[in-house]
PDB file of N, CA and C in Angstrom:
ATOM      1  N   UNK A   1       0.882  -1.283  -0.107  1.00  0.00           N
ATOM      2  CA  UNK A   1       0.019  -0.047   0.002  1.00  0.00           C
ATOM      3  C   UNK A   1       0.834   1.210   0.032  1.00  0.00           C
ATOM      4  N   UNK A   2       0.475   2.194  -0.774  1.00  0.00           N
ATOM      5  CA  UNK A   2       1.255   3.384  -0.889  1.00  0.00           C
ATOM      6  C   UNK A   2       0.775   4.416   0.188  1.00  0.00           C
ATOM      7  N   UNK A   3       1.587   5.084   0.949  1.00  0.00           N
ATOM      8  CA  UNK A   3       1.250   6.143   1.782  1.00  0.00           C
ATOM      9  C   UNK A   3       1.317   7.636   1.134  1.00  0.00           C
ATOM     10  N   UNK A   4       0.441   8.313   1.608  1.00  0.00           N
ATOM     11  CA  UNK A   4       0.246   9.614   1.119  1.00  0.00           C
ATOM     12  C   UNK A   4       1.301  10.512   2.083  1.00  0.00           C
ATOM     13  N   UNK A   5       2.512  10.973   1.355  1.00  0.00           N
ATOM     14  CA  UNK A   5       3.370  11.727   2.282  1.00  0.00           C
ATOM     15  C   UNK A   5       3.185  13.019   1.755  1.00  0.00           C
ATOM     16  N   UNK A   6       3.284  14.086   2.804  1.00  0.00           N
ATOM     17  CA  UNK A   6       3.395  15.344   2.536  1.00  0.00           C
ATOM     18  C   UNK A   6       4.682  15.800   1.834  1.00  0.00           C
ATOM     19  N   UNK A   7       4.563  16.752   0.924  1.00  0.00           N
ATOM     20  CA  UNK A   7       5.629  17.289   0.216  1.00  0.00           C
ATOM     21  C   UNK A   7       5.562  18.653   0.365  1.00  0.00           C
ATOM     22  N   UNK A   8       6.666  19.346   0.576  1.00  0.00           N
ATOM     23  CA  UNK A   8       6.742  20.821   0.703  1.00  0.00           C
ATOM     24  C   UNK A   8       7.962  21.204  -0.272  1.00  0.00           C
ATOM     25  N   UNK A   9       7.743  22.387  -0.780  1.00  0.00           N
ATOM     26  CA  UNK A   9       8.673  23.137  -1.487  1.00  0.00           C
ATOM     27  C   UNK A   9       8.496  24.576  -1.585  1.00  0.00           C
ATOM     28  N   UNK A  10       9.473  25.208  -2.184  1.00  0.00           N
ATOM     29  CA  UNK A  10       9.440  26.801  -2.175  1.00  0.00           C
ATOM     30  C   UNK A  10       9.422  27.213  -3.628  1.00  0.00           C
ATOM     31  N   UNK A  11       8.624  28.120  -3.772  1.00  0.00           N
ATOM     32  CA  UNK A  11       8.350  28.629  -5.195  1.00  0.00           C
ATOM     33  C   UNK A  11       8.816  30.197  -5.177  1.00  0.00           C
ATOM     34  N   UNK A  12       9.333  30.698  -6.199  1.00  0.00           N
ATOM     35  CA  UNK A  12       9.459  32.115  -6.481  1.00  0.00           C
ATOM     36  C   UNK A  12       8.751  32.422  -7.366  1.00  0.00           C
ATOM     37  N   UNK A  13       7.830  33.424  -7.292  1.00  0.00           N
ATOM     38  CA  UNK A  13       6.914  34.145  -8.232  1.00  0.00           C
ATOM     39  C   UNK A  13       7.548  35.435  -8.566  1.00  0.00           C
ATOM     40  N   UNK A  14       7.454  35.960  -9.972  1.00  0.00           N
ATOM     41  CA  UNK A  14       8.204  37.148 -10.303  1.00  0.00           C
ATOM     42  C   UNK A  14       7.126  37.868 -11.251  1.00  0.00           C
ATOM     43  N   UNK A  15       7.570  38.859 -11.795  1.00  0.00           N
ATOM     44  CA  UNK A  15       6.721  39.777 -12.829  1.00  0.00           C
ATOM     45  C   UNK A  15       6.309  38.798 -14.109  1.00  0.00           C
ATOM     46  N   UNK A  16       7.218  37.752 -14.183  1.00  0.00           N
ATOM     47  CA  UNK A  16       6.874  36.755 -15.422  1.00  0.00           C
ATOM     48  C   UNK A  16       5.426  36.085 -15.251  1.00  0.00           C
ATOM     49  N   UNK A  17       5.148  35.770 -13.872  1.00  0.00           N
ATOM     50  CA  UNK A  17       3.842  35.054 -13.456  1.00  0.00           C
ATOM     51  C   UNK A  17       2.755  36.039 -13.285  1.00  0.00           C
ATOM     52  N   UNK A  18       2.921  37.388 -13.305  1.00  0.00           N
ATOM     53  CA  UNK A  18       2.077  38.354 -12.888  1.00  0.00           C
ATOM     54  C   UNK A  18       0.957  38.526 -13.880  1.00  0.00           C
ATOM     55  N   UNK A  19      -0.369  38.538 -13.652  1.00  0.00           N
ATOM     56  CA  UNK A  19      -1.374  38.763 -14.682  1.00  0.00           C
ATOM     57  C   UNK A  19      -2.110  40.139 -14.324  1.00  0.00           C
ATOM     58  N   UNK A  20      -1.942  41.239 -15.247  1.00  0.00           N
ATOM     59  CA  UNK A  20      -2.509  42.398 -14.904  1.00  0.00           C
ATOM     60  C   UNK A  20      -3.950  42.500 -14.842  1.00  0.00           C
ATOM     61  N   UNK A  21      -4.532  41.584 -15.713  1.00  0.00           N
ATOM     62  CA  UNK A  21      -5.999  41.639 -15.788  1.00  0.00           C
ATOM     63  C   UNK A  21      -6.747  40.975 -14.421  1.00  0.00           C
ATOM     64  N   UNK A  22      -5.905  39.984 -13.808  1.00  0.00           N
ATOM     65  CA  UNK A  22      -6.567  39.305 -12.656  1.00  0.00           C
ATOM     66  C   UNK A  22      -5.929  40.146 -11.296  1.00  0.00           C
ATOM     67  N   UNK A  23      -4.857  40.775 -11.574  1.00  0.00           N
ATOM     68  CA  UNK A  23      -4.174  41.342 -10.351  1.00  0.00           C
ATOM     69  C   UNK A  23      -3.620  40.477  -9.414  1.00  0.00           C
ATOM     70  N   UNK A  24      -2.866  39.449 -10.021  1.00  0.00           N
ATOM     71  CA  UNK A  24      -2.259  38.491  -9.310  1.00  0.00           C
ATOM     72  C   UNK A  24      -1.184  37.611  -9.920  1.00  0.00           C
ATOM     73  N   UNK A  25      -0.589  36.705  -9.258  1.00  0.00           N
ATOM     74  CA  UNK A  25       0.397  35.941  -9.889  1.00  0.00           C
ATOM     75  C   UNK A  25      -0.199  34.551 -10.317  1.00  0.00           C
ATOM     76  N   UNK A  26       0.035  33.844 -11.289  1.00  0.00           N
ATOM     77  CA  UNK A  26      -0.153  32.539 -11.717  1.00  0.00           C
ATOM     78  C   UNK A  26       0.618  31.765 -10.855  1.00  0.00           C
ATOM     79  N   UNK A  27      -0.103  30.660 -10.302  1.00  0.00           N
ATOM     80  CA  UNK A  27       0.853  29.697  -9.599  1.00  0.00           C
ATOM     81  C   UNK A  27       0.319  28.277  -9.784  1.00  0.00           C
ATOM     82  N   UNK A  28       0.925  27.809 -10.817  1.00  0.00           N
ATOM     83  CA  UNK A  28       0.421  26.502 -11.400  1.00  0.00           C
ATOM     84  C   UNK A  28       0.633  25.385 -10.446  1.00  0.00           C
ATOM     85  N   UNK A  29       1.430  25.571  -9.466  1.00  0.00           N
ATOM     86  CA  UNK A  29       1.663  24.504  -8.352  1.00  0.00           C
ATOM     87  C   UNK A  29       0.344  24.085  -7.841  1.00  0.00           C
ATOM     88  N   UNK A  30      -0.614  25.097  -7.788  1.00  0.00           N
ATOM     89  CA  UNK A  30      -1.793  24.611  -7.168  1.00  0.00           C
ATOM     90  C   UNK A  30      -2.649  23.636  -7.900  1.00  0.00           C
ATOM     91  N   UNK A  31      -2.341  23.158  -9.086  1.00  0.00           N
ATOM     92  CA  UNK A  31      -2.753  22.017  -9.773  1.00  0.00           C
ATOM     93  C   UNK A  31      -2.543  20.819  -8.971  1.00  0.00           C
ATOM     94  N   UNK A  32      -1.456  20.710  -8.285  1.00  0.00           N
ATOM     95  CA  UNK A  32      -0.986  19.564  -7.585  1.00  0.00           C
ATOM     96  C   UNK A  32      -2.116  19.068  -6.523  1.00  0.00           C
ATOM     97  N   UNK A  33      -2.668  17.926  -6.626  1.00  0.00           N
ATOM     98  CA  UNK A  33      -3.737  17.576  -5.697  1.00  0.00           C
ATOM     99  C   UNK A  33      -3.325  17.712  -4.272  1.00  0.00           C
ATOM    100  N   UNK A  34      -4.146  18.380  -3.464  1.00  0.00           N
ATOM    101  CA  UNK A  34      -3.700  18.532  -1.940  1.00  0.00           C
ATOM    102  C   UNK A  34      -2.733  19.678  -1.881  1.00  0.00           C
ATOM    103  N   UNK A  35      -2.412  20.530  -2.765  1.00  0.00           N
ATOM    104  CA  UNK A  35      -1.503  21.651  -2.628  1.00  0.00           C
ATOM    105  C   UNK A  35      -2.078  22.575  -1.732  1.00  0.00           C
ATOM    106  N   UNK A  36      -1.404  23.215  -0.758  1.00  0.00           N
ATOM    107  CA  UNK A  36      -1.662  24.360   0.040  1.00  0.00           C
ATOM    108  C   UNK A  36      -0.542  25.161   0.313  1.00  0.00           C
ATOM    109  N   UNK A  37      -0.891  26.509   0.449  1.00  0.00           N
ATOM    110  CA  UNK A  37       0.113  27.415   0.727  1.00  0.00           C
ATOM    111  C   UNK A  37       0.093  27.784   2.160  1.00  0.00           C
ATOM    112  N   UNK A  38       1.461  27.654   2.560  1.00  0.00           N
ATOM    113  CA  UNK A  38       1.560  27.684   4.101  1.00  0.00           C
ATOM    114  C   UNK A  38       1.777  29.247   4.454  1.00  0.00           C
ATOM    115  N   UNK A  39       2.824  29.911   3.817  1.00  0.00           N
ATOM    116  CA  UNK A  39       3.148  31.131   3.932  1.00  0.00           C
ATOM    117  C   UNK A  39       3.632  31.768   2.580  1.00  0.00           C
ATOM    118  N   UNK A  40       3.653  33.181   2.651  1.00  0.00           N
ATOM    119  CA  UNK A  40       4.007  34.085   1.375  1.00  0.00           C
ATOM    120  C   UNK A  40       4.984  35.026   1.981  1.00  0.00           C
ATOM    121  N   UNK A  41       6.100  35.144   1.323  1.00  0.00           N
ATOM    122  CA  UNK A  41       7.212  36.262   1.754  1.00  0.00           C
ATOM    123  C   UNK A  41       7.240  37.094   0.493  1.00  0.00           C
ATOM    124  N   UNK A  42       7.836  38.316   0.889  1.00  0.00           N
ATOM    125  CA  UNK A  42       8.194  39.348  -0.056  1.00  0.00           C
ATOM    126  C   UNK A  42       9.444  40.023   0.761  1.00  0.00           C
ATOM    127  N   UNK A  43      10.366  40.215   0.103  1.00  0.00           N
ATOM    128  CA  UNK A  43      11.670  40.900   0.692  1.00  0.00           C
ATOM    129  C   UNK A  43      12.027  40.193   1.937  1.00  0.00           C
ATOM    130  N   UNK A  44      11.941  38.902   2.164  1.00  0.00           N
ATOM    131  CA  UNK A  44      12.343  38.399   3.423  1.00  0.00           C
ATOM    132  C   UNK A  44      11.243  38.320   4.620  1.00  0.00           C
ATOM    133  N   UNK A  45      10.231  38.984   4.403  1.00  0.00           N
ATOM    134  CA  UNK A  45       9.272  39.186   5.456  1.00  0.00           C
ATOM    135  C   UNK A  45       7.849  38.619   5.040  1.00  0.00           C
ATOM    136  N   UNK A  46       7.486  37.720   5.990  1.00  0.00           N
ATOM    137  CA  UNK A  46       6.101  37.068   5.749  1.00  0.00           C
ATOM    138  C   UNK A  46       5.186  38.215   5.537  1.00  0.00           C
ATOM    139  N   UNK A  47       4.151  37.873   4.597  1.00  0.00           N
ATOM    140  CA  UNK A  47       3.113  38.781   4.447  1.00  0.00           C
ATOM    141  C   UNK A  47       1.939  38.479   5.087  1.00  0.00           C
ATOM    142  N   UNK A  48       1.050  39.274   5.665  1.00  0.00           N
ATOM    143  CA  UNK A  48      -0.022  39.024   6.248  1.00  0.00           C
ATOM    144  C   UNK A  48      -1.114  38.678   5.298  1.00  0.00           C
ATOM    145  N   UNK A  49      -1.866  37.859   5.737  1.00  0.00           N
ATOM    146  CA  UNK A  49      -3.026  37.331   4.755  1.00  0.00           C
ATOM    147  C   UNK A  49      -4.029  38.214   4.325  1.00  0.00           C
ATOM    148  N   UNK A  50      -4.036  39.496   4.940  1.00  0.00           N
ATOM    149  CA  UNK A  50      -4.904  40.459   4.454  1.00  0.00           C
ATOM    150  C   UNK A  50      -4.427  41.090   3.122  1.00  0.00           C
ATOM    151  N   UNK A  51      -3.307  40.984   2.728  1.00  0.00           N
ATOM    152  CA  UNK A  51      -2.852  41.693   1.536  1.00  0.00           C
ATOM    153  C   UNK A  51      -2.975  40.751   0.354  1.00  0.00           C
ATOM    154  N   UNK A  52      -3.379  39.576   0.351  1.00  0.00           N
ATOM    155  CA  UNK A  52      -3.228  38.610  -0.678  1.00  0.00           C
ATOM    156  C   UNK A  52      -4.550  37.591  -0.414  1.00  0.00           C
ATOM    157  N   UNK A  53      -4.933  36.992  -1.456  1.00  0.00           N
ATOM    158  CA  UNK A  53      -5.971  36.066  -1.485  1.00  0.00           C
ATOM    159  C   UNK A  53      -5.482  34.748  -2.262  1.00  0.00           C
ATOM    160  N   UNK A  54      -5.698  33.594  -1.922  1.00  0.00           N
ATOM    161  CA  UNK A  54      -5.125  32.529  -2.642  1.00  0.00           C
ATOM    162  C   UNK A  54      -6.457  32.059  -3.302  1.00  0.00           C
ATOM    163  N   UNK A  55      -6.546  31.925  -4.626  1.00  0.00           N
ATOM    164  CA  UNK A  55      -7.583  31.470  -5.335  1.00  0.00           C
ATOM    165  C   UNK A  55      -7.170  30.065  -5.908  1.00  0.00           C
ATOM    166  N   UNK A  56      -7.558  29.018  -5.275  1.00  0.00           N
ATOM    167  CA  UNK A  56      -7.161  27.777  -5.683  1.00  0.00           C
ATOM    168  C   UNK A  56      -7.707  27.272  -7.070  1.00  0.00           C
ATOM    169  N   UNK A  57      -8.965  27.745  -7.460  1.00  0.00           N
ATOM    170  CA  UNK A  57      -9.531  27.293  -8.514  1.00  0.00           C
ATOM    171  C   UNK A  57      -8.984  27.909  -9.779  1.00  0.00           C
ATOM    172  N   UNK A  58      -8.642  29.165  -9.507  1.00  0.00           N
ATOM    173  CA  UNK A  58      -7.934  30.007 -10.626  1.00  0.00           C
ATOM    174  C   UNK A  58      -6.468  29.842 -10.754  1.00  0.00           C
ATOM    175  N   UNK A  59      -5.932  29.145  -9.771  1.00  0.00           N
ATOM    176  CA  UNK A  59      -4.432  28.955  -9.622  1.00  0.00           C
ATOM    177  C   UNK A  59      -3.692  30.167  -9.603  1.00  0.00           C
ATOM    178  N   UNK A  60      -4.191  31.222  -8.829  1.00  0.00           N
ATOM    179  CA  UNK A  60      -3.720  32.470  -8.652  1.00  0.00           C
ATOM    180  C   UNK A  60      -3.494  32.954  -7.247  1.00  0.00           C
ATOM    181  N   UNK A  61      -2.508  33.867  -6.991  1.00  0.00           N
ATOM    182  CA  UNK A  61      -2.367  34.454  -5.714  1.00  0.00           C
ATOM    183  C   UNK A  61      -2.794  35.999  -6.041  1.00  0.00           C
ATOM    184  N   UNK A  62      -3.818  36.476  -5.601  1.00  0.00           N
ATOM    185  CA  UNK A  62      -4.323  37.792  -5.917  1.00  0.00           C
ATOM    186  C   UNK A  62      -3.725  38.847  -4.958  1.00  0.00           C
ATOM    187  N   UNK A  63      -3.427  39.869  -5.320  1.00  0.00           N
ATOM    188  CA  UNK A  63      -2.824  41.065  -4.491  1.00  0.00           C
ATOM    189  C   UNK A  63      -4.043  41.984  -4.072  1.00  0.00           C
ATOM    190  N   UNK A  64      -4.174  42.162  -2.833  1.00  0.00           N
ATOM    191  CA  UNK A  64      -5.390  42.670  -2.239  1.00  0.00           C
ATOM    192  C   UNK A  64      -4.979  44.045  -1.590  1.00  0.00           C
ATOM    193  N   UNK A  65      -3.754  44.415  -1.445  1.00  0.00           N
ATOM    194  CA  UNK A  65      -3.325  45.617  -0.879  1.00  0.00           C
ATOM    195  C   UNK A  65      -3.279  46.871  -1.907  1.00  0.00           C
ATOM    196  N   UNK A  66      -3.473  48.054  -1.187  1.00  0.00           N
ATOM    197  CA  UNK A  66      -3.273  49.350  -1.903  1.00  0.00           C
ATOM    198  C   UNK A  66      -1.840  49.609  -2.054  1.00  0.00           C
ATOM    199  N   UNK A  67      -1.140  49.086  -1.334  1.00  0.00           N
ATOM    200  CA  UNK A  67       0.364  49.246  -1.492  1.00  0.00           C
ATOM    201  C   UNK A  67       0.910  48.571  -2.895  1.00  0.00           C
ATOM    202  N   UNK A  68       2.054  48.970  -3.434  1.00  0.00           N
ATOM    203  CA  UNK A  68       2.728  48.579  -4.757  1.00  0.00           C
ATOM    204  C   UNK A  68       3.001  47.161  -4.298  1.00  0.00           C
ATOM    205  N   UNK A  69       2.541  46.212  -5.391  1.00  0.00           N
ATOM    206  CA  UNK A  69       2.877  44.816  -5.286  1.00  0.00           C
ATOM    207  C   UNK A  69       4.381  44.518  -5.259  1.00  0.00           C
ATOM    208  N   UNK A  70       4.842  43.537  -4.542  1.00  0.00           N
ATOM    209  CA  UNK A  70       6.243  43.227  -4.578  1.00  0.00           C
ATOM    210  C   UNK A  70       6.691  42.674  -5.844  1.00  0.00           C
ATOM    211  N   UNK A  71       7.962  42.813  -6.221  1.00  0.00           N
ATOM    212  CA  UNK A  71       8.537  42.449  -7.533  1.00  0.00           C
ATOM    213  C   UNK A  71       8.511  40.880  -7.588  1.00  0.00           C
ATOM    214  N   UNK A  72       8.756  40.184  -6.429  1.00  0.00           N
ATOM    215  CA  UNK A  72       8.751  38.846  -6.372  1.00  0.00           C
ATOM    216  C   UNK A  72       8.247  38.242  -5.098  1.00  0.00           C
ATOM    217  N   UNK A  73       7.816  37.178  -5.107  1.00  0.00           N
ATOM    218  CA  UNK A  73       7.199  36.411  -3.864  1.00  0.00           C
ATOM    219  C   UNK A  73       7.928  35.213  -3.731  1.00  0.00           C
ATOM    220  N   UNK A  74       8.118  34.695  -2.471  1.00  0.00           N
ATOM    221  CA  UNK A  74       8.444  33.394  -2.145  1.00  0.00           C
ATOM    222  C   UNK A  74       7.415  32.689  -1.383  1.00  0.00           C
ATOM    223  N   UNK A  75       6.979  31.665  -2.075  1.00  0.00           N
ATOM    224  CA  UNK A  75       5.794  30.880  -1.603  1.00  0.00           C
ATOM    225  C   UNK A  75       6.062  29.675  -1.069  1.00  0.00           C
ATOM    226  N   UNK A  76       5.606  29.208   0.286  1.00  0.00           N
ATOM    227  CA  UNK A  76       5.938  27.969   0.833  1.00  0.00           C
ATOM    228  C   UNK A  76       4.615  27.316   0.978  1.00  0.00           C
TER     229      UNK A  76
END
C-alpha cells in the first residue's frame, strides 16, 4: 500500500507570472492535488494574509493591498 506523504517546496513568483487583468500571480503548483500554501514572503518578510488571497480554482495569488505589489514572492 502506498502512503500519502506530505511534500513541501518553495516557489519564487516574479513579474513573469503576474497577470495584470487578474491582479495576481499565476501559481500552477496549485494544480497538484492537495496543494496548500503555508506562507508567502516578500523581501524576506512574511506577508499578512490580508494583503493577498489564494484562489485555488483559478491557480492565482491575488494582490489585495493598496500598496505597490512586490517584485517577487517566495511561496511555501
